[in-house]
Protein backbone atom coordinates (compact mmCIF):
# COMPACT_ATOMS: atom_id res chain seq x y z
CA MET A 1 102.45 74.92 113.01
CA ASN A 2 103.28 78.61 113.47
CA GLU A 3 103.82 80.92 110.52
CA LYS A 4 107.59 81.11 111.02
CA ALA A 5 108.00 77.34 111.02
CA SER A 6 105.82 76.99 107.91
CA LEU A 7 108.29 79.01 105.85
CA ARG A 8 111.37 77.32 104.40
CA ALA A 9 113.29 80.51 105.12
CA ARG A 10 112.59 84.16 105.71
CA ALA A 11 114.30 87.49 105.98
CA GLU A 12 112.55 89.37 108.76
CA ILE A 13 112.82 93.14 108.25
CA ASP A 14 112.34 95.28 111.36
CA LEU A 15 110.91 98.58 110.08
CA ALA A 16 110.81 100.03 113.61
CA ALA A 17 114.58 99.56 113.75
CA LEU A 18 114.94 101.18 110.35
CA ARG A 19 112.94 104.21 111.45
CA ALA A 20 115.06 104.51 114.60
CA ASN A 21 118.22 104.31 112.49
CA VAL A 22 116.98 107.08 110.19
CA ARG A 23 116.21 109.30 113.19
CA GLU A 24 119.70 108.67 114.59
CA LEU A 25 121.32 109.45 111.26
CA ARG A 26 119.28 112.63 110.89
CA ALA A 27 120.50 113.75 114.28
CA ARG A 28 124.10 113.06 113.27
CA ALA A 29 123.61 114.97 110.01
CA GLY A 30 122.96 118.21 111.85
CA GLY A 31 120.95 120.55 109.66
CA ALA A 32 121.48 118.59 106.46
CA GLN A 33 118.61 116.79 104.79
CA LEU A 34 118.76 112.99 104.57
CA MET A 35 118.45 110.89 101.43
CA ALA A 36 117.42 107.31 102.14
CA VAL A 37 119.21 105.15 99.59
CA VAL A 38 116.99 102.24 98.61
CA LYS A 39 118.86 100.90 95.58
CA SER A 40 119.11 97.16 94.98
CA ASP A 41 115.72 96.57 96.64
CA ALA A 42 116.85 98.58 99.67
CA TYR A 43 120.06 96.56 100.01
CA GLY A 44 117.93 93.42 99.96
CA HIS A 45 115.43 94.65 102.57
CA GLY A 46 112.48 95.55 100.28
CA ALA A 47 112.55 98.95 98.59
CA VAL A 48 108.95 100.09 98.93
CA PRO A 49 108.32 99.26 102.62
CA CYS A 50 111.77 100.59 103.58
CA ALA A 51 111.29 103.78 101.56
CA ARG A 52 107.96 104.43 103.26
CA ALA A 53 109.45 103.80 106.71
CA ALA A 54 112.38 106.11 105.98
CA LEU A 55 110.06 108.93 104.88
CA GLU A 56 107.97 108.42 108.01
CA ALA A 57 111.15 108.87 110.06
CA GLY A 58 112.02 112.16 108.38
CA ALA A 59 114.04 111.35 105.25
CA THR A 60 113.27 114.00 102.62
CA TRP A 61 114.82 112.29 99.60
CA LEU A 62 114.94 108.74 98.25
CA GLY A 63 117.92 107.58 96.22
CA THR A 64 118.27 104.76 93.71
CA ALA A 65 120.98 103.66 91.31
CA THR A 66 118.90 102.81 88.23
CA PRO A 67 116.00 104.71 86.71
CA GLN A 68 113.93 101.51 86.78
CA GLU A 69 114.29 101.43 90.57
CA ALA A 70 113.19 105.06 90.79
CA LEU A 71 110.22 104.52 88.50
CA ALA A 72 109.15 101.52 90.59
CA LEU A 73 108.96 103.76 93.67
CA ARG A 74 106.71 106.16 91.80
CA ALA A 75 104.57 103.26 90.52
CA ALA A 76 104.10 102.21 94.15
CA GLY A 77 102.71 105.66 94.95
CA LEU A 78 105.72 107.13 96.72
CA GLY A 79 105.88 110.91 96.42
CA GLY A 80 108.52 113.42 97.39
CA ARG A 81 111.97 113.80 95.91
CA VAL A 82 113.55 110.79 94.24
CA MET A 83 117.00 110.80 92.62
CA CYS A 84 118.67 108.16 90.45
CA TRP A 85 122.21 108.24 89.12
CA LEU A 86 123.22 105.23 87.04
CA TRP A 87 122.26 105.92 83.43
CA THR A 88 123.27 104.44 80.10
CA PRO A 89 122.55 105.85 76.63
CA GLY A 90 118.97 105.37 75.53
CA GLY A 91 117.66 105.05 79.08
CA PRO A 92 114.10 106.01 80.09
CA TRP A 93 114.86 109.73 80.41
CA ARG A 94 111.41 110.89 79.32
CA GLU A 95 109.67 108.56 81.75
CA ALA A 96 111.88 109.85 84.57
CA VAL A 97 111.21 113.48 83.66
CA GLU A 98 107.47 112.85 83.55
CA ALA A 99 107.65 111.12 86.94
CA ASP A 100 109.38 114.14 88.54
CA ILE A 101 112.57 112.17 89.25
CA ASP A 102 115.83 114.08 89.72
CA VAL A 103 118.41 112.57 87.37
CA SER A 104 122.20 112.63 87.58
CA VAL A 105 124.33 113.89 84.71
CA SER A 106 128.03 113.04 84.52
CA GLY A 107 128.78 113.94 80.90
CA LEU A 108 127.60 115.79 77.82
CA TRP A 109 125.93 112.74 76.26
CA ALA A 110 123.64 112.41 79.29
CA LEU A 111 122.87 116.12 79.38
CA ARG A 112 121.91 116.05 75.71
CA GLU A 113 119.66 113.02 76.17
CA VAL A 114 117.83 114.57 79.11
CA VAL A 115 117.40 117.86 77.23
CA ALA A 116 115.82 115.95 74.34
CA ALA A 117 113.60 114.02 76.77
CA ALA A 118 112.46 117.26 78.43
CA ALA A 119 111.45 118.62 75.03
CA GLU A 120 109.48 115.47 74.29
CA ALA A 121 107.78 115.63 77.68
CA GLY A 122 107.10 119.34 77.41
CA ARG A 123 108.44 120.03 80.88
CA THR A 124 111.63 121.03 82.68
CA ALA A 125 113.93 118.23 83.84
CA ARG A 126 115.61 118.34 87.24
CA ILE A 127 119.26 117.35 87.08
CA HIS A 128 122.19 116.91 89.47
CA LEU A 129 125.61 117.45 87.96
CA LYS A 130 128.04 114.85 89.29
CA ALA A 131 131.70 115.69 89.80
CA ASP A 132 134.44 113.06 89.82
CA THR A 133 136.48 114.42 92.72
CA GLY A 134 138.76 111.39 92.93
CA LEU A 135 136.74 108.17 93.06
CA GLY A 136 137.46 107.58 89.38
CA ARG A 137 134.09 106.01 88.72
CA ASN A 138 131.05 107.96 87.52
CA GLY A 139 131.13 111.76 87.43
CA CYS A 140 132.70 114.51 85.36
CA GLN A 141 136.45 115.07 85.53
CA PRO A 142 137.59 118.54 86.68
CA ALA A 143 139.11 119.18 83.25
CA ASP A 144 135.73 118.60 81.59
CA TRP A 145 133.65 120.41 84.24
CA PRO A 146 133.67 123.87 82.59
CA GLU A 147 132.18 122.50 79.38
CA LEU A 148 129.51 120.48 81.21
CA VAL A 149 128.57 123.43 83.42
CA SER A 150 128.44 125.77 80.42
CA GLU A 151 126.13 123.49 78.44
CA ALA A 152 123.96 122.87 81.55
CA ARG A 153 123.59 126.61 82.05
CA ALA A 154 122.58 127.03 78.42
CA ALA A 155 120.00 124.29 78.89
CA GLU A 156 118.73 126.07 81.99
CA ALA A 157 118.42 129.32 80.06
CA SER A 158 116.28 127.54 77.48
CA GLY A 159 114.01 126.12 80.16
CA ALA A 160 114.91 122.51 79.37
CA VAL A 161 116.52 121.71 82.73
CA ARG A 162 116.92 123.01 86.24
CA VAL A 163 120.19 122.16 87.98
CA THR A 164 118.88 121.15 91.39
CA GLY A 165 122.03 119.48 92.72
CA LEU A 166 125.81 119.34 92.59
CA TRP A 167 127.30 116.16 93.99
CA SER A 168 130.12 113.65 94.24
CA HIS A 169 131.07 110.44 96.07
CA PHE A 170 133.92 109.49 98.38
CA ALA A 171 136.42 106.73 97.69
CA CYS A 172 137.71 106.10 101.22
CA ALA A 173 135.28 107.70 103.69
CA ASP A 174 135.21 104.37 105.55
CA GLU A 175 138.91 104.89 106.37
CA PRO A 176 138.95 108.03 108.55
CA GLY A 177 142.12 110.01 108.07
CA HIS A 178 142.78 108.66 104.56
CA PRO A 179 144.46 111.50 102.61
CA SER A 180 142.01 111.15 99.73
CA ILE A 181 139.14 112.41 101.93
CA ALA A 182 140.52 115.93 102.42
CA ALA A 183 141.70 115.99 98.81
CA GLN A 184 138.24 115.10 97.51
CA LEU A 185 136.57 117.69 99.74
CA THR A 186 138.89 120.38 98.36
CA VAL A 187 138.17 119.38 94.76
CA PHE A 188 134.42 119.25 95.47
CA ARG A 189 134.40 122.72 97.01
CA ASP A 190 136.34 124.06 94.02
CA MET A 191 134.02 122.44 91.47
CA VAL A 192 130.91 123.64 93.35
CA ALA A 193 132.36 127.16 93.52
CA TYR A 194 133.05 127.11 89.78
CA ALA A 195 129.50 126.03 88.98
CA GLU A 196 127.95 128.59 91.30
CA LYS A 197 130.14 131.38 89.85
CA ALA A 198 128.82 130.33 86.44
CA GLY A 199 125.28 130.90 87.71
CA VAL A 200 124.21 127.48 88.94
CA GLU A 201 121.99 127.77 92.03
CA PRO A 202 121.61 124.21 93.37
CA GLU A 203 119.05 123.28 95.98
CA VAL A 204 121.43 120.70 97.43
CA ARG A 205 125.16 120.04 97.39
CA HIS A 206 126.03 116.53 98.58
CA ILE A 207 129.01 114.20 98.90
CA ALA A 208 128.51 112.37 102.22
CA ASN A 209 127.67 108.66 102.17
CA SER A 210 127.02 106.53 105.27
CA PRO A 211 130.58 106.56 106.68
CA ALA A 212 130.95 110.29 106.00
CA THR A 213 127.61 110.97 107.66
CA LEU A 214 128.86 109.19 110.78
CA THR A 215 132.45 110.48 110.93
CA LEU A 216 132.89 113.58 108.73
CA PRO A 217 130.59 116.45 109.76
CA GLU A 218 132.51 118.84 107.48
CA SER A 219 131.23 116.81 104.49
CA HIS A 220 127.50 117.11 105.24
CA PHE A 221 126.78 120.23 103.15
CA ASP A 222 123.01 120.35 102.38
CA LEU A 223 122.21 116.64 102.12
CA VAL A 224 123.66 113.29 103.25
CA ARG A 225 123.02 110.01 101.43
CA THR A 226 122.70 107.10 103.84
CA GLY A 227 122.55 103.56 102.53
CA ILE A 228 124.04 100.73 104.58
CA ALA A 229 123.89 102.62 107.89
CA MET A 230 120.13 103.03 107.52
CA TYR A 231 119.87 99.22 107.60
CA GLY A 232 121.82 99.08 110.87
CA ILE A 233 125.13 97.85 109.50
CA SER A 234 128.38 99.63 110.26
CA PRO A 235 130.03 100.99 107.09
CA SER A 236 133.37 100.79 108.84
CA PRO A 237 133.57 97.90 111.34
CA GLU A 238 137.18 98.80 112.13
CA ILE A 239 136.08 102.02 113.81
CA GLY A 240 132.72 101.06 115.28
CA THR A 241 129.97 98.49 115.62
CA PRO A 242 126.37 99.39 114.78
CA ALA A 243 125.73 99.90 118.50
CA ASP A 244 128.68 102.30 118.69
CA PHE A 245 126.91 104.47 116.12
CA GLY A 246 123.47 104.11 117.74
CA LEU A 247 122.22 101.78 115.01
CA ARG A 248 120.41 98.44 115.01
CA PRO A 249 120.58 95.78 112.26
CA VAL A 250 117.25 95.57 110.44
CA MET A 251 117.42 92.13 108.78
CA THR A 252 117.29 88.73 110.50
CA LEU A 253 117.81 85.75 108.20
CA ALA A 254 116.48 82.42 109.42
CA ALA A 255 115.31 79.06 108.10
CA SER A 256 113.38 76.05 109.37
CA VAL A 257 115.52 72.95 109.89
CA ALA A 258 114.48 70.48 107.18
CA LEU A 259 115.92 67.25 108.55
CA VAL A 260 117.71 65.92 111.64
CA LYS A 261 119.53 62.58 111.59
CA GLN A 262 122.18 60.50 113.30
CA VAL A 263 125.26 59.52 111.29
CA PRO A 264 128.33 57.46 112.20
CA ALA A 265 131.90 58.67 112.58
CA GLY A 266 133.75 59.24 109.30
CA HIS A 267 130.65 60.20 107.36
CA GLY A 268 131.35 62.61 104.49
CA ILE A 269 129.22 65.75 104.37
CA SER A 270 128.19 67.59 101.19
CA TYR A 271 130.01 67.86 97.89
CA GLY A 272 133.67 66.95 97.84
CA HIS A 273 133.60 65.56 101.39
CA HIS A 274 135.59 68.54 102.65
CA TYR A 275 134.14 67.69 106.07
CA THR A 276 133.81 64.24 107.60
CA THR A 277 132.26 63.61 110.98
CA PRO A 278 134.93 63.07 113.65
CA ALA A 279 132.55 60.93 115.75
CA GLU A 280 129.01 59.63 115.71
CA THR A 281 126.90 62.76 115.66
CA THR A 282 123.65 64.52 114.79
CA LEU A 283 123.27 66.55 111.62
CA ALA A 284 120.78 69.30 110.89
CA LEU A 285 119.90 70.25 107.32
CA VAL A 286 119.33 73.99 106.73
CA PRO A 287 117.39 74.67 103.51
CA LEU A 288 119.32 77.70 102.28
CA GLY A 289 122.12 77.74 99.73
CA TYR A 290 124.07 79.85 97.31
CA ALA A 291 120.98 80.23 95.10
CA ASP A 292 119.52 82.13 98.06
CA GLY A 293 122.61 84.25 98.45
CA ILE A 294 124.47 82.21 101.09
CA PRO A 295 128.14 82.61 100.14
CA ARG A 296 129.68 79.34 98.94
CA HIS A 297 132.95 80.98 99.90
CA ALA A 298 131.85 80.66 103.54
CA SER A 299 131.71 76.86 103.31
CA GLY A 300 133.14 75.40 106.52
CA ARG A 301 133.16 78.83 108.15
CA GLY A 302 129.69 80.39 108.12
CA PRO A 303 128.12 80.67 111.62
CA VAL A 304 124.56 79.56 112.41
CA LEU A 305 122.58 79.59 115.67
CA VAL A 306 120.74 76.28 115.94
CA ALA A 307 119.73 74.13 118.92
CA GLY A 308 120.85 76.83 121.34
CA ARG A 309 124.43 77.23 120.14
CA VAL A 310 126.33 78.92 117.34
CA ARG A 311 127.59 76.22 114.98
CA THR A 312 129.62 76.32 111.79
CA VAL A 313 128.54 75.21 108.32
CA ALA A 314 129.84 71.64 107.89
CA GLY A 315 131.31 71.13 104.43
CA ARG A 316 130.31 72.96 101.30
CA VAL A 317 127.32 75.23 100.92
CA ALA A 318 125.25 73.75 98.09
CA MET A 319 122.80 75.51 95.81
CA ASP A 320 119.78 75.01 98.04
CA GLN A 321 121.03 73.73 101.38
CA PHE A 322 123.84 73.21 103.82
CA VAL A 323 124.52 70.99 106.80
CA VAL A 324 125.36 71.77 110.42
CA ASP A 325 127.03 69.27 112.77
CA LEU A 326 125.15 69.46 116.09
CA GLU A 327 127.88 67.40 117.78
CA GLY A 328 125.33 65.06 119.33
CA ASP A 329 122.86 67.73 120.42
CA ARG A 330 119.23 67.26 119.42
CA THR A 331 116.67 69.42 117.66
CA GLU A 332 113.58 68.77 115.58
CA PRO A 333 112.55 69.43 112.00
CA GLY A 334 110.95 72.87 111.90
CA ALA A 335 113.28 74.26 114.56
CA GLU A 336 114.71 77.68 113.81
CA ALA A 337 118.20 78.14 112.41
CA VAL A 338 119.29 81.78 112.54
CA LEU A 339 122.08 82.76 110.17
CA PHE A 340 122.30 86.39 111.23
CA GLY A 341 120.42 89.13 113.01
CA PRO A 342 121.02 91.97 115.46
CA GLY A 343 122.86 89.61 117.83
CA ASP A 344 120.47 90.04 120.77
CA ARG A 345 119.94 86.30 121.17
CA GLY A 346 123.55 85.37 120.67
CA GLU A 347 122.96 84.81 116.97
CA PRO A 348 125.67 85.76 114.43
CA THR A 349 125.51 89.09 112.62
CA ALA A 350 125.84 89.96 108.95
CA GLU A 351 129.33 91.19 109.81
CA ASP A 352 130.20 87.71 111.16
CA TRP A 353 129.19 86.25 107.79
CA ALA A 354 131.18 88.93 106.00
CA VAL A 355 134.27 87.88 107.94
CA ALA A 356 133.59 84.21 107.18
CA ALA A 357 133.24 84.94 103.44
CA ASP A 358 136.07 87.51 103.26
CA THR A 359 133.73 90.25 102.06
CA ILE A 360 131.71 93.16 103.48
CA ALA A 361 128.35 93.04 105.21
CA TYR A 362 126.84 95.15 102.39
CA GLU A 363 127.23 92.11 100.13
CA ILE A 364 125.81 89.67 102.65
CA VAL A 365 122.44 91.40 102.96
CA THR A 366 122.20 92.59 99.37
CA ARG A 367 122.77 89.16 97.85
CA ILE A 368 119.91 87.40 99.69
CA GLY A 369 117.85 86.09 96.78
CA THR A 370 114.24 86.40 95.74
CA ARG A 371 113.38 82.85 96.88
CA VAL A 372 113.63 84.14 100.45
CA PRO A 373 110.45 86.06 101.36
CA ARG A 374 110.85 89.39 103.12
CA VAL A 375 108.60 89.54 106.18
CA HIS A 376 108.22 93.14 107.25
CA VAL A 377 107.45 93.74 110.93
CA GLY A 378 107.13 96.91 112.96
CA GLU A 379 104.94 98.66 110.41
């Protein structure tokens, strides 16, 4: 039995495609540097292999949400610039400072904790001051910016920190033309200008995420942060497919068919019998379920390529498995069932599953669970 068939399921990660995507995004970024965002285990693709591939393709920064994610990259031997931005009080500030990680500061409490950590570590911390330009999430409000900048400058003067970045995040960059985009850019420019007038000399100013990298060249500044686009998924399906942006999906999710059997007409399938067979038919059991990240919300709608055709999940997705009605077609246990991939073989895409589950493709790839091994190819 071949290696693919011996696995219950697998998420095949095409690192050659990822490198090509990074090169395409770098070209679209003009002269700006590129941060490869590898938070949440690289959107489910495997943080360390994807980070290495991105650096090989010319990314100059790595980005994570949590400090634990950033520290894991360092523990794996990854050098270069790493930034993390989602902190809570009492976080591992000292460990991050000692690991040469750039940390984000959105408020005075965070600045004071990183200053204390720098003193404990006996070295200067690198910080990015985050501005809330209109997303209303993390970041410092314009009204509080003067106080944060003033205290950051005082910390710089003491040698505790170096302000290496000024940054923000868009709310609606995936909706080109949305009035908030221009408004946020104006606020960002004003807040950057204020900080620089106060003496801050950042290495990088950055606000562009994946959709802004692809559609808003005026937002590129010194650095763009690409997450979902790096993995070959369009951040805005309404305005373009991955191919339209020169990108290729990196993840293919497949499983080995666990059972094939004949059943009579009127046979109930899975919990609740929300599907009953309309005629005598053949069923295939696919050993993936919501514990593996398959959306239960896509029950009766999720598409699967099996036995040469795209089928639909029959009945409810269960914790570990779901059923496909082959409508009389035949296949064998061990045959491949492809849930999504680039689409080259007629298989569904992550976007198709997003439509079926009424969500976004970001969630489809990110939620694939740890029971599904990542098989990295193209290294």
